[in-house]
Protein backbone atom coordinates (compact mmCIF):
# COMPACT_ATOMS: atom_id res chain seq x y z
CA MET A 1 -126.14 -139.63 -139.20
CA TYR A 2 -128.91 -140.26 -136.67
CA THR A 3 -130.18 -143.39 -134.96
CA VAL A 4 -133.81 -143.07 -133.91
CA VAL A 5 -134.40 -145.41 -130.99
CA ASP A 6 -137.32 -146.75 -129.02
CA ILE A 7 -137.28 -149.39 -126.32
CA GLU A 8 -139.87 -151.28 -124.30
CA THR A 9 -138.96 -152.24 -120.74
CA THR A 10 -140.08 -154.10 -117.63
CA GLY A 11 -141.08 -150.74 -116.14
CA ASN A 12 -139.10 -150.86 -112.89
CA GLY A 13 -137.54 -147.39 -112.98
CA ILE A 14 -134.13 -146.67 -114.47
CA LYS A 15 -131.78 -148.82 -112.39
CA GLY A 16 -134.12 -151.78 -112.16
CA ASN A 17 -135.46 -151.44 -115.68
CA LYS A 18 -134.63 -154.18 -118.16
CA VAL A 19 -135.14 -153.87 -121.91
CA THR A 20 -137.68 -156.26 -123.48
CA GLU A 21 -137.60 -154.87 -127.05
CA ILE A 22 -135.49 -152.43 -129.02
CA SER A 23 -135.91 -150.83 -132.43
CA ILE A 24 -133.28 -148.62 -134.10
CA PHE A 25 -133.71 -146.80 -137.41
CA LYS A 26 -130.54 -145.36 -138.94
CA TYR A 27 -131.53 -142.12 -140.65
CA ASP A 28 -129.35 -139.83 -142.75
CA GLY A 29 -131.70 -136.84 -142.62
CA TYR A 30 -133.51 -137.81 -145.79
CA ALA A 31 -134.23 -141.53 -145.62
CA VAL A 32 -133.91 -144.59 -143.42
CA VAL A 33 -130.76 -146.40 -144.50
CA ASP A 34 -130.84 -149.32 -142.07
CA GLU A 35 -132.97 -150.86 -139.31
CA PHE A 36 -132.47 -153.14 -136.36
CA THR A 37 -135.37 -154.49 -134.28
CA SER A 38 -135.38 -157.33 -131.77
CA LEU A 39 -137.13 -158.68 -128.72
CA ILE A 40 -134.78 -159.04 -125.74
CA ASN A 41 -134.91 -161.54 -122.90
CA PRO A 42 -134.76 -159.34 -119.74
CA GLU A 43 -133.87 -162.39 -117.61
CA CYS A 44 -136.60 -161.42 -115.17
CA GLU A 45 -140.38 -161.50 -114.96
CA ILE A 46 -142.39 -158.94 -116.95
CA PRO A 47 -145.12 -157.37 -114.75
CA TYR A 48 -148.74 -157.93 -115.80
CA PHE A 49 -149.43 -154.22 -116.22
CA ILE A 50 -146.52 -153.92 -118.64
CA THR A 51 -147.82 -156.86 -120.66
CA GLY A 52 -151.21 -155.16 -120.73
CA LEU A 53 -149.60 -151.99 -122.10
CA THR A 54 -147.15 -153.45 -124.64
CA GLY A 55 -148.48 -156.92 -125.33
CA ILE A 56 -145.03 -158.34 -124.57
CA ASP A 57 -145.21 -161.26 -122.13
CA ASN A 58 -142.74 -163.69 -120.61
CA GLN A 59 -143.44 -166.36 -123.27
CA MET A 60 -142.59 -163.97 -126.14
CA VAL A 61 -139.12 -163.17 -124.78
CA ARG A 62 -138.26 -166.61 -123.41
CA ASP A 63 -136.14 -167.57 -126.44
CA ALA A 64 -135.07 -164.01 -127.38
CA PRO A 65 -131.39 -163.02 -127.12
CA THR A 66 -130.23 -161.32 -123.91
CA PHE A 67 -129.03 -157.74 -123.86
CA GLU A 68 -125.45 -158.89 -123.40
CA THR A 69 -125.72 -160.94 -126.60
CA LEU A 70 -127.08 -157.96 -128.57
CA ALA A 71 -124.77 -155.36 -126.99
CA PRO A 72 -122.06 -155.49 -129.74
CA THR A 73 -124.73 -155.04 -132.43
CA ILE A 74 -126.33 -152.07 -130.65
CA LEU A 75 -122.93 -150.44 -130.06
CA GLU A 76 -121.93 -150.83 -133.68
CA PHE A 77 -125.33 -149.75 -135.02
CA THR A 78 -125.30 -146.50 -133.03
CA LYS A 79 -121.58 -145.76 -133.43
CA ASP A 80 -120.79 -142.23 -134.72
CA CYS A 81 -124.51 -141.39 -134.76
CA ILE A 82 -126.64 -138.94 -132.81
CA PHE A 83 -129.01 -140.81 -130.49
CA VAL A 84 -132.60 -139.62 -131.07
CA ALA A 85 -135.67 -140.61 -129.05
CA HIS A 86 -138.94 -139.26 -127.73
CA SER A 87 -138.08 -138.34 -124.10
CA VAL A 88 -134.51 -139.26 -124.91
CA ASN A 89 -133.18 -139.34 -121.35
CA PHE A 90 -135.36 -142.33 -120.51
CA ASP A 91 -134.30 -144.56 -123.43
CA TYR A 92 -130.69 -143.39 -123.29
CA ASN A 93 -130.27 -143.89 -119.53
CA VAL A 94 -131.91 -147.33 -119.51
CA LEU A 95 -129.57 -148.48 -122.27
CA LYS A 96 -126.58 -146.84 -120.58
CA ASN A 97 -127.37 -148.70 -117.38
CA GLU A 98 -127.78 -152.01 -119.26
CA PHE A 99 -124.32 -151.51 -120.80
CA LYS A 100 -122.86 -150.56 -117.43
CA GLU A 101 -124.12 -153.82 -115.90
CA ILE A 102 -122.08 -155.82 -118.42
CA GLY A 103 -119.00 -153.62 -118.00
CA LEU A 104 -119.34 -151.45 -121.12
CA ASP A 105 -119.59 -147.70 -121.60
CA PHE A 106 -122.28 -146.14 -123.77
CA VAL A 107 -121.77 -142.49 -124.67
CA ARG A 108 -123.57 -140.80 -127.55
CA LYS A 109 -124.69 -137.31 -128.42
CA LYS A 110 -128.45 -137.16 -128.04
CA LEU A 111 -131.52 -135.26 -129.17
CA CYS A 112 -134.98 -135.30 -127.66
CA THR A 113 -137.95 -135.06 -130.04
CA VAL A 114 -140.16 -133.89 -127.18
CA ARG A 115 -137.97 -130.86 -126.45
CA LEU A 116 -137.41 -130.20 -130.16
CA SER A 117 -141.18 -130.34 -130.74
CA ARG A 118 -141.90 -127.93 -127.90
CA ARG A 119 -139.46 -125.46 -129.45
CA LEU A 120 -140.26 -125.89 -133.14
CA PHE A 121 -143.98 -126.78 -132.87
CA PRO A 122 -145.16 -124.64 -129.93
CA GLY A 123 -148.72 -124.40 -128.70
CA TYR A 124 -149.87 -128.02 -128.52
CA HIS A 125 -151.70 -129.18 -125.40
CA SER A 126 -149.71 -132.41 -125.16
CA TYR A 127 -146.35 -133.53 -126.51
CA SER A 128 -146.77 -137.24 -125.89
CA LEU A 129 -145.89 -139.27 -128.96
CA GLY A 130 -149.45 -140.46 -129.57
CA LYS A 131 -151.12 -137.06 -129.29
CA LEU A 132 -148.38 -135.27 -131.20
CA CYS A 133 -148.63 -137.75 -134.07
CA THR A 134 -152.39 -137.21 -134.18
CA SER A 135 -151.94 -133.43 -134.26
CA LEU A 136 -149.31 -133.59 -137.02
CA ASP A 137 -151.06 -136.31 -139.09
CA ILE A 138 -148.24 -138.78 -138.56
CA PRO A 139 -149.31 -142.44 -138.87
CA LEU A 140 -148.62 -144.42 -135.71
CA LYS A 141 -149.12 -148.18 -135.80
CA ASP A 142 -148.38 -150.70 -133.06
CA ARG A 143 -148.38 -148.11 -130.25
CA HIS A 144 -146.21 -149.12 -127.28
CA ARG A 145 -144.20 -151.53 -129.40
CA ALA A 146 -140.63 -150.51 -130.14
CA ARG A 147 -140.77 -150.63 -133.95
CA GLY A 148 -144.11 -148.82 -134.24
CA ASP A 149 -143.05 -146.01 -131.90
CA ALA A 150 -139.58 -145.73 -133.44
CA GLN A 151 -141.00 -145.51 -136.97
CA ALA A 152 -143.40 -142.75 -135.92
CA THR A 153 -140.52 -140.92 -134.20
CA VAL A 154 -138.57 -141.04 -137.50
CA LEU A 155 -141.45 -139.32 -139.31
CA LEU A 156 -141.73 -136.75 -136.50
CA PHE A 157 -137.97 -136.16 -136.61
CA GLN A 158 -138.15 -135.65 -140.36
CA LYS A 159 -140.74 -132.87 -139.86
CA LEU A 160 -138.59 -131.30 -137.13
CA LEU A 161 -135.53 -131.19 -139.40
CA ARG A 162 -137.51 -129.26 -141.99
CA ALA A 163 -139.33 -126.89 -139.61
CA PRO A 164 -138.58 -123.13 -139.83
CA GLY A 165 -135.61 -122.27 -137.62
CA ALA A 166 -134.63 -125.92 -137.24
CA GLU A 167 -130.93 -125.44 -138.02
CA LYS A 168 -130.40 -122.95 -135.19
CA VAL A 169 -132.42 -125.00 -132.70
CA PHE A 170 -130.65 -128.26 -133.56
CA LYS A 171 -127.26 -126.59 -133.24
CA MET A 172 -128.19 -125.19 -129.84
CA PHE A 173 -129.49 -128.54 -128.59
CA LEU A 174 -126.34 -130.34 -129.70
CA ASN A 175 -124.09 -127.78 -128.01
CA ALA A 176 -122.14 -129.66 -125.34
CA ARG A 177 -122.79 -126.86 -122.85
CA SER A 178 -126.51 -126.75 -123.51
CA GLN A 179 -128.79 -127.90 -120.70
CA GLU A 180 -131.63 -128.71 -123.10
CA ALA A 181 -131.11 -132.48 -123.05
CA THR A 182 -130.78 -132.42 -119.25
CA LEU A 183 -134.10 -130.69 -118.54
CA PRO A 184 -137.32 -132.72 -118.24
CA PRO A 185 -138.85 -133.06 -121.72
CA SER A 186 -142.08 -131.29 -120.76
CA LEU A 187 -140.41 -128.39 -118.93
CA PRO A 188 -139.93 -125.21 -121.00
CA LYS A 189 -136.37 -123.95 -120.78
CA ASP A 190 -137.43 -120.41 -119.90
CA VAL A 191 -139.16 -121.71 -116.76
CA PHE A 192 -135.85 -123.14 -115.59
CA GLU A 193 -133.88 -120.09 -116.65
CA ASN A 194 -136.17 -117.83 -114.61
CA LEU A 195 -135.47 -119.70 -111.37
CA PRO A 196 -133.53 -117.57 -108.85
CA THR A 197 -130.18 -118.44 -107.29
CA LYS A 198 -131.42 -117.41 -103.84
CA PRO A 199 -132.77 -119.30 -100.79
CA GLY A 200 -136.36 -120.47 -100.84
CA ILE A 201 -138.68 -123.33 -101.72
CA TYR A 202 -139.72 -124.68 -105.11
CA TYR A 203 -142.72 -126.61 -106.42
CA PHE A 204 -142.60 -129.22 -109.20
CA LYS A 205 -145.98 -129.33 -110.98
CA ASN A 206 -147.38 -131.83 -113.46
CA ALA A 207 -149.37 -131.18 -116.63
CA ARG A 208 -152.56 -130.61 -114.60
CA GLY A 209 -150.88 -128.00 -112.42
CA LYS A 210 -150.83 -130.33 -109.40
CA ILE A 211 -147.88 -129.99 -107.04
CA ILE A 212 -145.97 -133.30 -107.08
CA TYR A 213 -142.86 -132.25 -105.12
CA VAL A 214 -141.78 -129.49 -102.74
CA GLY A 215 -138.12 -128.82 -101.97
CA LYS A 216 -136.00 -126.18 -100.28
CA ALA A 217 -132.60 -124.78 -101.17
CA ILE A 218 -130.02 -122.12 -100.45
CA ASN A 219 -129.70 -121.80 -104.25
CA ILE A 220 -133.02 -122.76 -105.86
CA LYS A 221 -131.77 -122.98 -109.44
CA LYS A 222 -128.75 -125.11 -108.57
CA ARG A 223 -130.79 -127.48 -106.42
CA VAL A 224 -133.49 -127.90 -109.07
CA LEU A 225 -130.84 -128.74 -111.67
CA SER A 226 -129.44 -131.45 -109.40
CA HIS A 227 -132.79 -133.27 -109.61
CA PHE A 228 -132.41 -133.51 -113.39
CA TYR A 229 -128.99 -135.19 -113.07
CA ASP A 230 -130.15 -137.63 -110.40
CA LYS A 231 -130.74 -141.10 -111.88
CA ALA A 232 -132.60 -142.59 -108.91
CA ASN A 233 -135.87 -144.22 -109.99
CA LYS A 234 -138.09 -141.78 -108.09
CA GLU A 235 -136.22 -138.74 -109.40
CA VAL A 236 -136.44 -139.90 -113.00
CA ARG A 237 -140.20 -140.52 -112.75
CA MET A 238 -140.75 -137.19 -111.03
CA CYS A 239 -138.77 -135.21 -113.60
CA ARG A 240 -140.61 -136.88 -116.50
CA GLU A 241 -143.91 -135.66 -115.01
CA THR A 242 -142.69 -132.11 -114.36
CA ASN A 243 -144.26 -129.47 -116.62
CA HIS A 244 -143.72 -126.37 -114.53
CA ILE A 245 -141.77 -125.11 -111.52
CA ASP A 246 -142.91 -122.36 -109.14
CA PHE A 247 -140.91 -120.93 -106.26
CA GLU A 248 -141.08 -118.72 -103.16
CA LEU A 249 -138.09 -116.83 -101.78
CA SER A 250 -137.29 -117.17 -98.08
CA GLY A 251 -134.19 -115.06 -97.46
CA SER A 252 -132.52 -117.74 -95.32
CA ASN A 253 -132.15 -121.48 -94.92
CA LEU A 254 -134.14 -121.52 -91.66
CA LEU A 255 -137.16 -119.86 -93.28
CA ALA A 256 -136.84 -122.22 -96.26
CA LEU A 257 -136.96 -125.24 -93.93
CA LEU A 258 -140.06 -123.93 -92.17
CA MET A 259 -141.78 -122.99 -95.43
CA GLU A 260 -140.97 -126.38 -96.97
CA SER A 261 -142.40 -128.24 -93.97
CA ALA A 262 -145.64 -126.23 -94.09
CA ALA A 263 -145.99 -126.68 -97.87
CA ILE A 264 -145.51 -130.46 -97.68
CA LYS A 265 -148.20 -130.79 -95.03
CA LYS A 266 -150.53 -128.52 -96.99
CA HIS A 267 -150.17 -130.07 -100.45
CA TYR A 268 -149.11 -133.64 -99.55
CA PRO A 269 -147.04 -134.03 -102.77
CA GLU A 270 -146.73 -137.46 -104.33
CA TYR A 271 -142.93 -137.48 -104.47
CA ASN A 272 -142.22 -136.15 -100.97
CA SER A 273 -141.67 -139.10 -98.67
CA SER A 274 -140.95 -137.24 -95.41
CA GLN A 275 -142.96 -134.85 -93.22
CA LYS A 276 -146.30 -136.20 -94.46
CA ARG A 277 -147.37 -137.28 -91.01
CA ASN A 278 -150.07 -135.16 -89.43
CA LEU A 279 -149.34 -135.96 -85.82
CA ARG A 280 -152.06 -134.95 -83.37
CA PRO A 281 -150.72 -132.81 -80.51
CA TYR A 282 -151.33 -133.77 -76.90
CA GLY A 283 -151.61 -131.40 -73.97
CA ILE A 284 -150.76 -131.92 -70.30
CA PHE A 285 -153.37 -130.28 -68.06
CA CYS A 286 -154.45 -130.09 -64.41
CA TYR A 287 -157.84 -130.68 -62.81
CA GLU A 288 -159.26 -131.19 -59.31
CA ASP A 289 -161.30 -134.26 -58.37
CA ARG A 290 -164.18 -134.50 -55.86
CA LYS A 291 -161.78 -135.15 -53.01
CA GLY A 292 -159.95 -131.92 -53.81
CA ILE A 293 -156.85 -133.72 -55.13
CA LEU A 294 -155.09 -132.04 -58.07
CA HIS A 295 -154.45 -134.39 -60.98
CA LEU A 296 -151.98 -134.01 -63.85
CA ALA A 297 -153.14 -135.77 -67.02
CA PHE A 298 -152.81 -135.64 -70.79
CA ASN A 299 -155.22 -135.80 -73.71
CA HIS A 300 -155.53 -134.60 -77.29
CA LEU A 301 -154.82 -130.89 -77.27
CA LYS A 302 -158.39 -130.00 -78.23
CA MET A 303 -159.59 -131.86 -75.16
CA ALA A 304 -156.93 -130.47 -72.80
CA PRO A 305 -158.18 -127.19 -71.24
CA ASN A 306 -155.41 -124.59 -70.78
CA ALA A 307 -152.65 -127.05 -71.60
CA LEU A 308 -149.51 -126.63 -69.50
CA ALA A 309 -147.26 -128.31 -72.11
CA THR A 310 -147.67 -129.74 -75.59
CA PHE A 311 -146.23 -132.96 -77.01
CA TYR A 312 -146.75 -135.00 -80.18
CA SER A 313 -147.12 -138.50 -78.78
CA PRO A 314 -148.63 -140.15 -75.68
CA THR A 315 -145.22 -141.67 -74.96
CA ASN A 316 -143.58 -138.26 -74.64
CA CYS A 317 -146.39 -137.11 -72.36
CA ARG A 318 -145.91 -140.09 -70.07
CA LEU A 319 -142.13 -139.67 -69.96
CA TYR A 320 -142.54 -136.01 -69.06
CA LEU A 321 -145.03 -136.82 -66.29
CA GLU A 322 -142.67 -139.49 -64.95
CA GLU A 323 -139.94 -136.88 -64.65
CA LEU A 324 -142.28 -134.52 -62.80
CA CYS A 325 -143.20 -137.33 -60.41
CA LYS A 326 -139.54 -138.02 -59.65
CA ILE A 327 -138.61 -134.34 -59.21
CA PHE A 328 -141.58 -133.26 -57.11
CA GLY A 329 -142.58 -136.51 -55.41
CA LEU A 330 -145.92 -136.74 -57.20
CA CYS A 331 -148.13 -139.81 -57.25
CA PRO A 332 -148.20 -141.89 -60.47
CA LYS A 333 -151.85 -142.69 -59.82
CA TYR A 334 -152.88 -139.03 -59.75
CA CYS A 335 -150.65 -138.29 -62.76
CA HIS A 336 -152.54 -141.03 -64.65
CA LEU A 337 -149.47 -143.17 -65.17
CA GLN A 338 -151.32 -146.00 -63.41
CA GLU A 339 -155.06 -146.45 -63.89
CA ASN A 340 -157.59 -148.47 -61.88
CA VAL A 341 -155.32 -148.97 -58.87
CA ASN A 342 -156.05 -148.14 -55.24
CA THR A 343 -152.45 -147.18 -54.45
CA CYS A 344 -149.52 -146.56 -56.79
CA ASN A 345 -146.71 -149.08 -57.28
CA HIS A 346 -144.84 -147.72 -60.30
CA TYR A 347 -141.54 -149.54 -60.67
CA ARG A 348 -139.70 -146.43 -61.91
CA ILE A 349 -141.22 -143.95 -59.47
CA PRO A 350 -140.67 -144.80 -55.78
CA THR A 351 -140.94 -141.16 -54.68
CA CYS A 352 -144.69 -140.86 -54.02
CA GLY A 353 -145.27 -139.22 -50.61
CA GLY A 354 -148.28 -141.43 -49.90
CA VAL A 355 -151.32 -139.34 -50.82
CA CYS A 356 -152.82 -142.44 -52.45
CA ARG A 357 -152.32 -144.41 -49.21
CA GLY A 358 -153.57 -141.68 -46.88
CA THR A 359 -150.13 -141.03 -45.37
CA GLU A 360 -149.79 -137.61 -46.99
CA SER A 361 -152.36 -134.82 -46.68
CA ILE A 362 -154.19 -133.50 -49.72
CA ARG A 363 -152.97 -130.00 -48.90
CA GLU A 364 -149.32 -131.11 -48.84
CA TYR A 365 -149.74 -133.04 -52.08
CA ASN A 366 -151.53 -130.19 -53.88
CA GLU A 367 -148.70 -127.83 -52.90
CA LYS A 368 -146.26 -130.17 -54.66
CA VAL A 369 -148.49 -130.22 -57.74
CA GLN A 370 -148.57 -126.42 -57.74
CA ARG A 371 -144.77 -126.34 -57.58
CA ALA A 372 -144.64 -128.72 -60.54
CA ILE A 373 -147.04 -126.48 -62.49
CA ALA A 374 -144.92 -123.43 -61.67
CA HIS A 375 -141.88 -125.35 -62.89
CA ILE A 376 -143.60 -126.17 -66.20
CA ARG A 377 -144.63 -122.57 -66.72
CA SER A 378 -141.20 -121.23 -65.83
CA LYS A 379 -139.71 -123.23 -68.67
CA LYS A 380 -141.90 -121.55 -71.26
CA THR A 381 -140.27 -118.74 -73.20
CA ASP A 382 -141.22 -116.12 -75.73
CA PHE A 383 -138.60 -115.46 -78.35
CA ILE A 384 -137.98 -114.60 -81.94
CA ILE A 385 -135.27 -115.53 -84.38
CA ARG A 386 -134.27 -112.78 -86.73
CA GLN A 387 -133.07 -113.64 -90.22
CA LYS A 388 -132.19 -112.03 -93.53
CA GLY A 389 -135.15 -111.00 -95.60
CA ARG A 390 -135.87 -111.69 -99.25
CA THR A 391 -134.49 -108.27 -100.24
CA PRO A 392 -131.74 -106.02 -98.82
CA THR A 393 -134.38 -103.71 -97.27
CA GLU A 394 -136.25 -106.50 -95.49
CA ASP A 395 -135.89 -108.66 -92.38
CA ALA A 396 -137.47 -112.02 -91.69
CA PHE A 397 -138.50 -113.32 -88.28
CA VAL A 398 -139.70 -116.51 -86.62
CA LEU A 399 -142.06 -116.07 -83.67
CA VAL A 400 -142.40 -118.42 -80.68
CA ARG A 401 -144.62 -117.71 -77.66
CA ASN A 402 -145.01 -120.00 -74.66
CA ASP A 403 -142.69 -122.42 -76.45
CA THR A 404 -145.23 -122.66 -79.29
CA TYR A 405 -144.25 -121.83 -82.84
CA LEU A 406 -146.71 -119.26 -84.21
CA GLY A 407 -145.23 -118.68 -87.65
CA TYR A 408 -142.90 -116.39 -89.55
CA GLY A 409 -143.07 -113.05 -91.29
CA PHE A 410 -141.25 -110.43 -93.33
CA ILE A 411 -140.89 -106.78 -92.39
CA GLU A 412 -139.18 -103.74 -93.89
CA LYS A 413 -136.10 -102.64 -91.94
CA ASP A 414 -137.38 -99.07 -91.48
CA VAL A 415 -140.61 -100.15 -89.74
CA ALA A 416 -140.56 -99.32 -86.01
CA ILE A 417 -141.32 -102.32 -83.78
CA ASN A 418 -141.98 -101.42 -80.14
CA SER A 419 -143.96 -104.41 -78.88
CA PHE A 420 -144.87 -108.00 -79.53
CA GLU A 421 -148.20 -106.84 -80.88
CA ASP A 422 -146.45 -104.66 -83.48
CA LEU A 423 -144.53 -107.70 -84.69
CA GLU A 424 -147.61 -109.91 -84.87
CA THR A 425 -149.09 -107.53 -87.43
CA PHE A 426 -146.63 -108.96 -89.97
CA LEU A 427 -146.96 -112.59 -88.87
CA LEU A 428 -147.91 -115.32 -91.33
CA PRO A 429 -149.52 -117.85 -88.94
CA GLN A 430 -148.35 -121.46 -89.20
CA LYS A 431 -149.03 -124.75 -87.42
CA ASP A 432 -146.71 -125.96 -84.69
CA THR A 433 -145.63 -129.52 -85.58
CA VAL A 434 -143.08 -132.03 -84.39
CA GLU A 435 -141.03 -131.37 -87.55
CA VAL A 436 -141.03 -127.61 -86.87
CA GLN A 437 -139.94 -128.19 -83.29
CA GLY A 438 -137.06 -130.29 -84.59
CA ILE A 439 -136.05 -127.59 -87.08
CA LEU A 440 -136.09 -124.87 -84.41
CA THR A 441 -134.27 -126.98 -81.82
CA SER A 442 -131.53 -127.81 -84.30
CA PHE A 443 -131.16 -124.17 -85.28
CA LEU A 444 -131.07 -122.91 -81.69
CA ASN A 445 -128.50 -125.54 -80.74
CA LYS A 446 -126.25 -124.29 -83.52
CA MET A 447 -126.76 -120.67 -82.44
CA GLY A 448 -125.77 -121.47 -78.89
CA GLU A 449 -128.52 -119.33 -77.36
CA LYS A 450 -131.97 -117.99 -78.14
CA THR A 451 -132.56 -114.58 -79.59
CA LEU A 452 -135.01 -113.10 -77.11
CA VAL A 453 -137.85 -110.81 -78.06
CA GLU A 454 -136.31 -107.85 -76.28
CA SER A 455 -133.21 -108.04 -78.47
CA TYR A 456 -135.32 -107.74 -81.59
CA LEU A 457 -137.13 -104.72 -80.23
CA THR A 458 -133.92 -102.93 -79.25
CA GLU A 459 -131.35 -103.91 -81.88
CA SER A 460 -131.34 -102.56 -85.39
CA SER A 461 -128.90 -104.93 -87.07
CA PRO A 462 -130.16 -108.36 -88.19
CA GLN A 463 -128.81 -111.63 -86.85
CA THR A 464 -128.21 -114.32 -89.43
């Protein structure tokens, strides 16, 4: 016995979603043997856009029974039946959550008419209920009302039961170990099955082929599956929109983190909430004024000639210049920490030697600036991090020069590398961002020390 179900809701995701109408048709495989339809008072406001879609407003449900009142009827009506719906996980999980809120369990075997249709009626451009009914000449009245949609789903389900190969497909979908009911309704199973169990990044794409989410994983297939079990509102919406999944192998977690960060900034996916900032880099630079005094200042990197150091906020630039002033006795005025003043009076920096007051010579001051510049440059390093490649015959590397991340690359183990230039031949250039700097700093802290360029050029075994 089957119960074909459709619900209308307040549209606030799974956990915040409240049912406003439910329709259940009990179907024995040949005919409808019983029906239950009712409006439900959600005990909260119905948003205007939902009313515009369904026609159900606050006045209509004001005197309707609450879900708690109808719960015994729904439990009894669906008892010992297979729960059937179009995009079944949505209807099933909303109801399950409603029961959970009143202290009741709701567990039923379930079938999804979207996934069944994709398998038994392949080749259609869209598997939404409206478009599928049009393609299959199924009458659909009162669209976006529970009874109208449920009645059309019954007629669709009837066609599915009688489609060639239906018995085998239904048996497979009802198998307790089958992942069919777990996968997003619009995602072909073979796409999921073809995902690797290796490190890399993955792309969720919608029906138009647009990337809506980018993620990284040590085990791509396992991580992707975890999205389908996640019942958070955002995850449920994202999975319902997912029609395809692409992937790129990375060989290691570090490369996956770097590739994920670059992909998020490139594609700006709707469902990625982090790393979307495009922070403008700032550069610290030196120049000489008409008096011959050397200044240290900062500006956007494009405006900073031959930048001595790069940061991703004016605040970090100022803090760095403050430290240089304290260490080398520089003047806050000539480090542009105080503007439009005749002499400096910075409350955190009492170490100025007096160049701004004429008590220190320009030559002596410039020598201190030169020592500060030498200090900045001495801190810059060139290094690589060597990682496992995507295949047993390949290495991966991350390249940093002058403390600036240049990108990553992959190289066959038998290729001779004798210089930095040889390595750069295989480089996939990437942007240096604050997120990348955080990823690299975290990784290097865990390693304990940097893997210098020379070690890559002389050692044959990879470091992981």
